[in-house]
Structure formats: structure tokens, C-alpha cells
Amino acid sequence: MEKLLLRLLTAGCMAAIPFLFRGKRRDNFLIFFSKGVLATLIDAYVVGTKKIAYPARPFPKIFKTNIIYDILFFPLLSVVWVKMSEQDRLGKKLLKSLMFSVPMSLGQWYFEKNSKLFKWKKWSPLHTFASVNFTLFTIRGFFGLIKYLDKKEMWR
């Protein structure tokens, strides 16, 4: 069942890529790759400190983390969130971040209890909620900084 879920997640992400990378491609790639790096670093720390384990994951002999989450799923969610909240003030951004962090926390709680996709050792839905929001706002801040520097032409 776990391999099927991972294949479905991968297929869904791959199908979404052409739709999510329309328009401002440079911005979307910047968000996508920076979130991939951030998610991979955080997940490597969390797995390394034995807070979470991924019994079912792609390339288990190479990676201890689930690379589908880190370099595909979470980065795509960040692209969607930044696009949705790009023109919003902080209050609206906070509300929109809940549209991602609450379902993610509940979904992970459900799958932790009912599958072997991951095993929480020193983790909870609250940790997922906090980490998803932290990474969303970190990437949004980084993206905002890049946009600001572009306006000031500091790269040229």
C-alpha cells in the first residue's frame, strides 16, 4: 500500500508541474529549489536525531529521508502558496498558510497511524504544523528579499 501511495504522490506532483510553472518561471523555480533545499536540510536533521523515520521511502539504501516529500511535494506546495499569497498582507498570509499546515498535519497524523510511510518517535502533528508554517514563511521571506534586491538592481 505504501509504495502505491508514494507512486500516486509522485504522479500527482509530476502532473501538476506544467500547470504550476506557467508564468513567472524564474520565480517559481527559485521558490521550488529553495524550498527543496530547506526541506531536505530540516528533514535530514529530524531523521538524524531520530524524531521521525521513513520505513517506506524511495531509494532506501541511499536516502534516510523521503525525497518525494522533500524535493517534490513540499516545494510544489510552496510554489502554490507563494502564488496564492503574493499580494496579501500578513493576516491573510497567516490564514492561507493554515490552508496548507492544518491539512498537512492532520494527513500526516492519519498516515502515521494507518500506514508505514513514516513513524513518529519524538514528533507530533504540532511539530508538523510548526515546521510547515516555518518553511512556508521562510521561503516567502527569501522570495521577498530576492524581489526587493531585483528592484534595487543589486544583482547587476
Foldseek 3Di string as FASTA:
>chain_A
DLVVVLVVLLVVQVVCVVVLCPDPNVLLVLLLVVQLVVLVVVQCVCVVVPQKFFPDEPPVVVDRGHSCVRRTVLSSVLSVLCVVCVPPDPVVSVVSLCVPLVVVLVVVVVCCVPHRRMDGDNDHSVNSSVVSVVSSVVSSVVSVVVVVCVVVVVVD
